[in-house]
Amino acid sequence: MLTLRIPTSFSEIKTLIKDRTDKRYKHNKSLFDEAYKRICKEINSGYWSNDISKYMKDTITSPTNGVISQILLECKSKVK
């Protein structure tokens, strides 16, 4: 499935331009993406199976509206 993101505000347009042109922003974004993957991998590992329910794991690690991804997106927007 193909998802197109159309910017609807000035801040989204600004972020889109930064994402395509600014090398520091790209580097920081890749670091946050890697951190997200590592955190989700650790949460979904078998080590936490008795402590965290499946529903909670899915809620926390969802790529679109999970808690971790929202926190990292907020941090990405604050990084200069």
PDB file of N, CA and C in Angstrom:
ATOM      1  N   MET A   1       0.830  -1.165   0.000  1.00  0.00           N
ATOM      2  CA  MET A   1       0.000   0.000   0.000  1.00  0.00           C
ATOM      3  C   MET A   1       0.884   1.241   0.000  1.00  0.00           C
ATOM      4  N   LEU A   2       0.536   2.211  -0.789  1.00  0.00           N
ATOM      5  CA  LEU A   2       1.292   3.444  -0.924  1.00  0.00           C
ATOM      6  C   LEU A   2       0.589   4.554  -0.161  1.00  0.00           C
ATOM      7  N   THR A   3       1.333   5.236   0.693  1.00  0.00           N
ATOM      8  CA  THR A   3       0.766   6.328   1.475  1.00  0.00           C
ATOM      9  C   THR A   3       1.452   7.620   1.068  1.00  0.00           C
ATOM     10  N   LEU A   4       0.675   8.604   0.685  1.00  0.00           N
ATOM     11  CA  LEU A   4       1.212   9.903   0.323  1.00  0.00           C
ATOM     12  C   LEU A   4       0.962  10.885   1.454  1.00  0.00           C
ATOM     13  N   ARG A   5       1.996  11.622   1.810  1.00  0.00           N
ATOM     14  CA  ARG A   5       1.860  12.647   2.836  1.00  0.00           C
ATOM     15  C   ARG A   5       1.817  14.005   2.155  1.00  0.00           C
ATOM     16  N   ILE A   6       0.727  14.712   2.333  1.00  0.00           N
ATOM     17  CA  ILE A   6       0.574  16.038   1.766  1.00  0.00           C
ATOM     18  C   ILE A   6       0.633  17.038   2.916  1.00  0.00           C
ATOM     19  N   PRO A   7       1.616  17.946   2.896  1.00  0.00           N
ATOM     20  CA  PRO A   7       1.715  18.925   3.983  1.00  0.00           C
ATOM     21  C   PRO A   7       0.510  19.860   3.990  1.00  0.00           C
ATOM     22  N   THR A   8      -0.040  20.107   5.177  1.00  0.00           N
ATOM     23  CA  THR A   8      -1.228  20.947   5.289  1.00  0.00           C
ATOM     24  C   THR A   8      -0.988  22.220   6.084  1.00  0.00           C
ATOM     25  N   SER A   9       0.205  22.389   6.626  1.00  0.00           N
ATOM     26  CA  SER A   9       0.507  23.601   7.376  1.00  0.00           C
ATOM     27  C   SER A   9       1.922  24.060   7.041  1.00  0.00           C
ATOM     28  N   PHE A  10       2.219  25.274   7.445  1.00  0.00           N
ATOM     29  CA  PHE A  10       3.542  25.821   7.170  1.00  0.00           C
ATOM     30  C   PHE A  10       4.630  25.006   7.867  1.00  0.00           C
ATOM     31  N   SER A  11       4.379  24.583   9.100  1.00  0.00           N
ATOM     32  CA  SER A  11       5.393  23.808   9.822  1.00  0.00           C
ATOM     33  C   SER A  11       5.653  22.459   9.148  1.00  0.00           C
ATOM     34  N   GLU A  12       4.626  21.850   8.587  1.00  0.00           N
ATOM     35  CA  GLU A  12       4.817  20.588   7.869  1.00  0.00           C
ATOM     36  C   GLU A  12       5.612  20.805   6.585  1.00  0.00           C
ATOM     37  N   ILE A  13       5.368  21.898   5.892  1.00  0.00           N
ATOM     38  CA  ILE A  13       6.140  22.216   4.682  1.00  0.00           C
ATOM     39  C   ILE A  13       7.593  22.472   5.051  1.00  0.00           C
ATOM     40  N   LYS A  14       7.810  23.212   6.134  1.00  0.00           N
ATOM     41  CA  LYS A  14       9.168  23.507   6.602  1.00  0.00           C
ATOM     42  C   LYS A  14       9.901  22.210   6.955  1.00  0.00           C
ATOM     43  N   THR A  15       9.219  21.304   7.640  1.00  0.00           N
ATOM     44  CA  THR A  15       9.816  20.021   7.995  1.00  0.00           C
ATOM     45  C   THR A  15      10.127  19.191   6.756  1.00  0.00           C
ATOM     46  N   LEU A  16       9.246  19.217   5.782  1.00  0.00           N
ATOM     47  CA  LEU A  16       9.468  18.481   4.541  1.00  0.00           C
ATOM     48  C   LEU A  16      10.705  18.988   3.817  1.00  0.00           C
ATOM     49  N   ILE A  17      10.869  20.293   3.763  1.00  0.00           N
ATOM     50  CA  ILE A  17      12.043  20.872   3.100  1.00  0.00           C
ATOM     51  C   ILE A  17      13.308  20.531   3.876  1.00  0.00           C
ATOM     52  N   LYS A  18      13.263  20.641   5.209  1.00  0.00           N
ATOM     53  CA  LYS A  18      14.424  20.290   6.021  1.00  0.00           C
ATOM     54  C   LYS A  18      14.799  18.827   5.826  1.00  0.00           C
ATOM     55  N   ASP A  19      13.794  17.993   5.746  1.00  0.00           N
ATOM     56  CA  ASP A  19      14.024  16.563   5.605  1.00  0.00           C
ATOM     57  C   ASP A  19      14.760  16.234   4.314  1.00  0.00           C
ATOM     58  N   ARG A  20      14.515  17.009   3.290  1.00  0.00           N
ATOM     59  CA  ARG A  20      15.134  16.726   1.995  1.00  0.00           C
ATOM     60  C   ARG A  20      16.459  17.431   1.771  1.00  0.00           C
ATOM     61  N   THR A  21      16.768  18.498   2.508  1.00  0.00           N
ATOM     62  CA  THR A  21      17.951  19.288   2.203  1.00  0.00           C
ATOM     63  C   THR A  21      18.993  19.336   3.315  1.00  0.00           C
ATOM     64  N   ASP A  22      18.593  19.379   4.571  1.00  0.00           N
ATOM     65  CA  ASP A  22      19.516  19.593   5.679  1.00  0.00           C
ATOM     66  C   ASP A  22      20.180  18.282   6.099  1.00  0.00           C
ATOM     67  N   LYS A  23      21.515  18.212   5.966  1.00  0.00           N
ATOM     68  CA  LYS A  23      22.248  16.985   6.289  1.00  0.00           C
ATOM     69  C   LYS A  23      22.214  16.681   7.784  1.00  0.00           C
ATOM     70  N   ARG A  24      22.319  17.710   8.621  1.00  0.00           N
ATOM     71  CA  ARG A  24      22.283  17.487  10.060  1.00  0.00           C
ATOM     72  C   ARG A  24      20.922  16.935  10.467  1.00  0.00           C
ATOM     73  N   TYR A  25      19.865  17.475   9.887  1.00  0.00           N
ATOM     74  CA  TYR A  25      18.513  17.002  10.196  1.00  0.00           C
ATOM     75  C   TYR A  25      18.349  15.538   9.778  1.00  0.00           C
ATOM     76  N   LYS A  26      18.874  15.196   8.598  1.00  0.00           N
ATOM     77  CA  LYS A  26      18.801  13.803   8.135  1.00  0.00           C
ATOM     78  C   LYS A  26      19.539  12.872   9.091  1.00  0.00           C
ATOM     79  N   HIS A  27      20.725  13.325   9.541  1.00  0.00           N
ATOM     80  CA  HIS A  27      21.520  12.508  10.453  1.00  0.00           C
ATOM     81  C   HIS A  27      20.783  12.312  11.778  1.00  0.00           C
ATOM     82  N   ASN A  28      20.246  13.398  12.331  1.00  0.00           N
ATOM     83  CA  ASN A  28      19.511  13.302  13.593  1.00  0.00           C
ATOM     84  C   ASN A  28      18.279  12.416  13.441  1.00  0.00           C
ATOM     85  N   LYS A  29      17.579  12.556  12.313  1.00  0.00           N
ATOM     86  CA  LYS A  29      16.390  11.750  12.059  1.00  0.00           C
ATOM     87  C   LYS A  29      16.761  10.271  12.010  1.00  0.00           C
ATOM     88  N   SER A  30      17.865   9.952  11.359  1.00  0.00           N
ATOM     89  CA  SER A  30      18.272   8.552  11.282  1.00  0.00           C
ATOM     90  C   SER A  30      18.651   8.011  12.665  1.00  0.00           C
ATOM     91  N   LEU A  31      19.243   8.854  13.512  1.00  0.00           N
ATOM     92  CA  LEU A  31      19.564   8.411  14.873  1.00  0.00           C
ATOM     93  C   LEU A  31      18.299   8.130  15.678  1.00  0.00           C
ATOM     94  N   PHE A  32      17.296   9.003  15.564  1.00  0.00           N
ATOM     95  CA  PHE A  32      16.040   8.780  16.275  1.00  0.00           C
ATOM     96  C   PHE A  32      15.318   7.546  15.738  1.00  0.00           C
ATOM     97  N   ASP A  33      15.358   7.340  14.432  1.00  0.00           N
ATOM     98  CA  ASP A  33      14.721   6.156  13.852  1.00  0.00           C
ATOM     99  C   ASP A  33      15.392   4.879  14.349  1.00  0.00           C
ATOM    100  N   GLU A  34      16.712   4.911  14.436  1.00  0.00           N
ATOM    101  CA  GLU A  34      17.449   3.750  14.937  1.00  0.00           C
ATOM    102  C   GLU A  34      17.118   3.504  16.409  1.00  0.00           C
ATOM    103  N   ALA A  35      17.019   4.572  17.196  1.00  0.00           N
ATOM    104  CA  ALA A  35      16.651   4.431  18.608  1.00  0.00           C
ATOM    105  C   ALA A  35      15.259   3.828  18.742  1.00  0.00           C
ATOM    106  N   TYR A  36      14.321   4.279  17.907  1.00  0.00           N
ATOM    107  CA  TYR A  36      12.956   3.738  17.926  1.00  0.00           C
ATOM    108  C   TYR A  36      12.969   2.238  17.633  1.00  0.00           C
ATOM    109  N   LYS A  37      13.720   1.835  16.620  1.00  0.00           N
ATOM    110  CA  LYS A  37      13.780   0.416  16.264  1.00  0.00           C
ATOM    111  C   LYS A  37      14.374  -0.418  17.392  1.00  0.00           C
ATOM    112  N   ARG A  38      15.428   0.104  18.033  1.00  0.00           N
ATOM    113  CA  ARG A  38      16.074  -0.637  19.113  1.00  0.00           C
ATOM    114  C   ARG A  38      15.165  -0.761  20.332  1.00  0.00           C
ATOM    115  N   ILE A  39      14.441   0.323  20.665  1.00  0.00           N
ATOM    116  CA  ILE A  39      13.525   0.282  21.806  1.00  0.00           C
ATOM    117  C   ILE A  39      12.403  -0.721  21.542  1.00  0.00           C
ATOM    118  N   CYS A  40      11.822  -0.654  20.350  1.00  0.00           N
ATOM    119  CA  CYS A  40      10.729  -1.573  20.006  1.00  0.00           C
ATOM    120  C   CYS A  40      11.205  -3.017  19.982  1.00  0.00           C
ATOM    121  N   LYS A  41      12.406  -3.240  19.476  1.00  0.00           N
ATOM    122  CA  LYS A  41      12.955  -4.595  19.443  1.00  0.00           C
ATOM    123  C   LYS A  41      13.120  -5.137  20.857  1.00  0.00           C
ATOM    124  N   GLU A  42      13.592  -4.284  21.766  1.00  0.00           N
ATOM    125  CA  GLU A  42      13.770  -4.717  23.161  1.00  0.00           C
ATOM    126  C   GLU A  42      12.437  -5.003  23.827  1.00  0.00           C
ATOM    127  N   ILE A  43      11.432  -4.144  23.591  1.00  0.00           N
ATOM    128  CA  ILE A  43      10.117  -4.359  24.204  1.00  0.00           C
ATOM    129  C   ILE A  43       9.473  -5.632  23.669  1.00  0.00           C
ATOM    130  N   ASN A  44       9.632  -5.891  22.379  1.00  0.00           N
ATOM    131  CA  ASN A  44       9.004  -7.057  21.765  1.00  0.00           C
ATOM    132  C   ASN A  44       9.807  -8.341  21.942  1.00  0.00           C
ATOM    133  N   SER A  45      10.972  -8.247  22.558  1.00  0.00           N
ATOM    134  CA  SER A  45      11.758  -9.465  22.797  1.00  0.00           C
ATOM    135  C   SER A  45      11.055 -10.334  23.827  1.00  0.00           C
ATOM    136  N   GLY A  46      11.401 -11.553  23.884  1.00  0.00           N
ATOM    137  CA  GLY A  46      10.763 -12.493  24.802  1.00  0.00           C
ATOM    138  C   GLY A  46      11.026 -12.197  26.270  1.00  0.00           C
ATOM    139  N   TYR A  47      12.014 -11.368  26.557  1.00  0.00           N
ATOM    140  CA  TYR A  47      12.378 -11.066  27.939  1.00  0.00           C
ATOM    141  C   TYR A  47      11.224 -10.437  28.710  1.00  0.00           C
ATOM    142  N   TRP A  48      10.412  -9.604  28.026  1.00  0.00           N
ATOM    143  CA  TRP A  48       9.340  -8.868  28.691  1.00  0.00           C
ATOM    144  C   TRP A  48       7.984  -9.568  28.574  1.00  0.00           C
ATOM    145  N   SER A  49       7.930 -10.778  28.070  1.00  0.00           N
ATOM    146  CA  SER A  49       6.650 -11.423  27.784  1.00  0.00           C
ATOM    147  C   SER A  49       5.772 -11.625  29.026  1.00  0.00           C
ATOM    148  N   ASN A  50       6.347 -11.830  30.186  1.00  0.00           N
ATOM    149  CA  ASN A  50       5.548 -12.037  31.394  1.00  0.00           C
ATOM    150  C   ASN A  50       5.166 -10.722  32.083  1.00  0.00           C
ATOM    151  N   ASP A  51       5.846  -9.629  31.732  1.00  0.00           N
ATOM    152  CA  ASP A  51       5.608  -8.361  32.414  1.00  0.00           C
ATOM    153  C   ASP A  51       4.679  -7.422  31.642  1.00  0.00           C
ATOM    154  N   ILE A  52       4.691  -7.490  30.326  1.00  0.00           N
ATOM    155  CA  ILE A  52       3.923  -6.561  29.500  1.00  0.00           C
ATOM    156  C   ILE A  52       2.972  -7.358  28.614  1.00  0.00           C
ATOM    157  N   SER A  53       1.696  -6.950  28.596  1.00  0.00           N
ATOM    158  CA  SER A  53       0.714  -7.657  27.774  1.00  0.00           C
ATOM    159  C   SER A  53       0.925  -7.353  26.296  1.00  0.00           C
ATOM    160  N   LYS A  54       0.383  -8.193  25.443  1.00  0.00           N
ATOM    161  CA  LYS A  54       0.490  -8.023  23.994  1.00  0.00           C
ATOM    162  C   LYS A  54      -0.146  -6.700  23.554  1.00  0.00           C
ATOM    163  N   TYR A  55      -1.313  -6.372  24.119  1.00  0.00           N
ATOM    164  CA  TYR A  55      -2.000  -5.129  23.760  1.00  0.00           C
ATOM    165  C   TYR A  55      -1.147  -3.909  24.113  1.00  0.00           C
ATOM    166  N   MET A  56      -0.527  -3.939  25.280  1.00  0.00           N
ATOM    167  CA  MET A  56       0.307  -2.811  25.698  1.00  0.00           C
ATOM    168  C   MET A  56       1.529  -2.683  24.789  1.00  0.00           C
ATOM    169  N   LYS A  57       2.151  -3.808  24.423  1.00  0.00           N
ATOM    170  CA  LYS A  57       3.289  -3.766  23.502  1.00  0.00           C
ATOM    171  C   LYS A  57       2.879  -3.150  22.174  1.00  0.00           C
ATOM    172  N   ASP A  58       1.718  -3.570  21.647  1.00  0.00           N
ATOM    173  CA  ASP A  58       1.243  -3.034  20.371  1.00  0.00           C
ATOM    174  C   ASP A  58       0.932  -1.546  20.476  1.00  0.00           C
ATOM    175  N   THR A  59       0.353  -1.120  21.588  1.00  0.00           N
ATOM    176  CA  THR A  59       0.012   0.283  21.785  1.00  0.00           C
ATOM    177  C   THR A  59       1.262   1.149  21.895  1.00  0.00           C
ATOM    178  N   ILE A  60       2.244   0.672  22.593  1.00  0.00           N
ATOM    179  CA  ILE A  60       3.474   1.452  22.793  1.00  0.00           C
ATOM    180  C   ILE A  60       4.307   1.505  21.524  1.00  0.00           C
ATOM    181  N   THR A  61       4.401   0.395  20.794  1.00  0.00           N
ATOM    182  CA  THR A  61       5.348   0.307  19.683  1.00  0.00           C
ATOM    183  C   THR A  61       4.736   0.517  18.308  1.00  0.00           C
ATOM    184  N   SER A  62       3.487   0.906  18.223  1.00  0.00           N
ATOM    185  CA  SER A  62       2.858   1.128  16.917  1.00  0.00           C
ATOM    186  C   SER A  62       3.605   2.218  16.153  1.00  0.00           C
ATOM    187  N   PRO A  63       3.989   1.965  14.892  1.00  0.00           N
ATOM    188  CA  PRO A  63       4.753   2.964  14.145  1.00  0.00           C
ATOM    189  C   PRO A  63       3.958   4.225  13.812  1.00  0.00           C
ATOM    190  N   THR A  64       2.652   4.134  13.741  1.00  0.00           N
ATOM    191  CA  THR A  64       1.869   5.303  13.348  1.00  0.00           C
ATOM    192  C   THR A  64       1.408   6.141  14.518  1.00  0.00           C
ATOM    193  N   ASN A  65       0.880   5.538  15.565  1.00  0.00           N
ATOM    194  CA  ASN A  65       0.386   6.329  16.679  1.00  0.00           C
ATOM    195  C   ASN A  65       0.796   5.771  18.034  1.00  0.00           C
ATOM    196  N   GLY A  66       1.912   5.097  18.087  1.00  0.00           N
ATOM    197  CA  GLY A  66       2.413   4.574  19.345  1.00  0.00           C
ATOM    198  C   GLY A  66       3.028   5.666  20.196  1.00  0.00           C
ATOM    199  N   VAL A  67       3.105   5.403  21.474  1.00  0.00           N
ATOM    200  CA  VAL A  67       3.627   6.381  22.427  1.00  0.00           C
ATOM    201  C   VAL A  67       5.089   6.693  22.134  1.00  0.00           C
ATOM    202  N   ILE A  68       5.881   5.675  21.887  1.00  0.00           N
ATOM    203  CA  ILE A  68       7.308   5.877  21.645  1.00  0.00           C
ATOM    204  C   ILE A  68       7.528   6.694  20.379  1.00  0.00           C
ATOM    205  N   SER A  69       6.813   6.387  19.308  1.00  0.00           N
ATOM    206  CA  SER A  69       7.000   7.132  18.065  1.00  0.00           C
ATOM    207  C   SER A  69       6.579   8.587  18.217  1.00  0.00           C
ATOM    208  N   GLN A  70       5.523   8.866  18.997  1.00  0.00           N
ATOM    209  CA  GLN A  70       5.105  10.247  19.219  1.00  0.00           C
ATOM    210  C   GLN A  70       6.143  11.023  20.021  1.00  0.00           C
ATOM    211  N   ILE A  71       6.726  10.383  21.024  1.00  0.00           N
ATOM    212  CA  ILE A  71       7.765  11.040  21.806  1.00  0.00           C
ATOM    213  C   ILE A  71       8.980  11.355  20.930  1.00  0.00           C
ATOM    214  N   LEU A  72       9.387  10.397  20.108  1.00  0.00           N
ATOM    215  CA  LEU A  72      10.547  10.619  19.249  1.00  0.00           C
ATOM    216  C   LEU A  72      10.261  11.657  18.168  1.00  0.00           C
ATOM    217  N   LEU A  73       9.046  11.690  17.637  1.00  0.00           N
ATOM    218  CA  LEU A  73       8.693  12.718  16.651  1.00  0.00           C
ATOM    219  C   LEU A  73       8.742  14.107  17.282  1.00  0.00           C
ATOM    220  N   GLU A  74       8.289  14.215  18.509  1.00  0.00           N
ATOM    221  CA  GLU A  74       8.356  15.495  19.216  1.00  0.00           C
ATOM    222  C   GLU A  74       9.815  15.911  19.434  1.00  0.00           C
ATOM    223  N   CYS A  75      10.649  14.961  19.793  1.00  0.00           N
ATOM    224  CA  CYS A  75      12.072  15.259  19.984  1.00  0.00           C
ATOM    225  C   CYS A  75      12.737  15.647  18.670  1.00  0.00           C
ATOM    226  N   LYS A  76      12.384  14.970  17.576  1.00  0.00           N
ATOM    227  CA  LYS A  76      12.951  15.309  16.270  1.00  0.00           C
ATOM    228  C   LYS A  76      12.638  16.734  15.887  1.00  0.00           C
ATOM    229  N   SER A  77      11.410  17.184  16.188  1.00  0.00           N
ATOM    230  CA  SER A  77      11.042  18.544  15.813  1.00  0.00           C
ATOM    231  C   SER A  77      11.759  19.594  16.655  1.00  0.00           C
ATOM    232  N   LYS A  78      12.211  19.214  17.867  1.00  0.00           N
ATOM    233  CA  LYS A  78      12.895  20.163  18.737  1.00  0.00           C
ATOM    234  C   LYS A  78      14.406  20.197  18.502  1.00  0.00           C
ATOM    235  N   VAL A  79      14.957  19.195  17.839  1.00  0.00           N
ATOM    236  CA  VAL A  79      16.396  19.148  17.567  1.00  0.00           C
ATOM    237  C   VAL A  79      16.736  20.227  16.550  1.00  0.00           C
ATOM    238  N   LYS A  80      17.817  20.950  16.820  1.00  0.00           N
ATOM    239  CA  LYS A  80      18.216  22.019  15.898  1.00  0.00           C
ATOM    240  C   LYS A  80      19.358  21.595  15.028  1.00  0.00           C
TER     241      LYS A  80
END
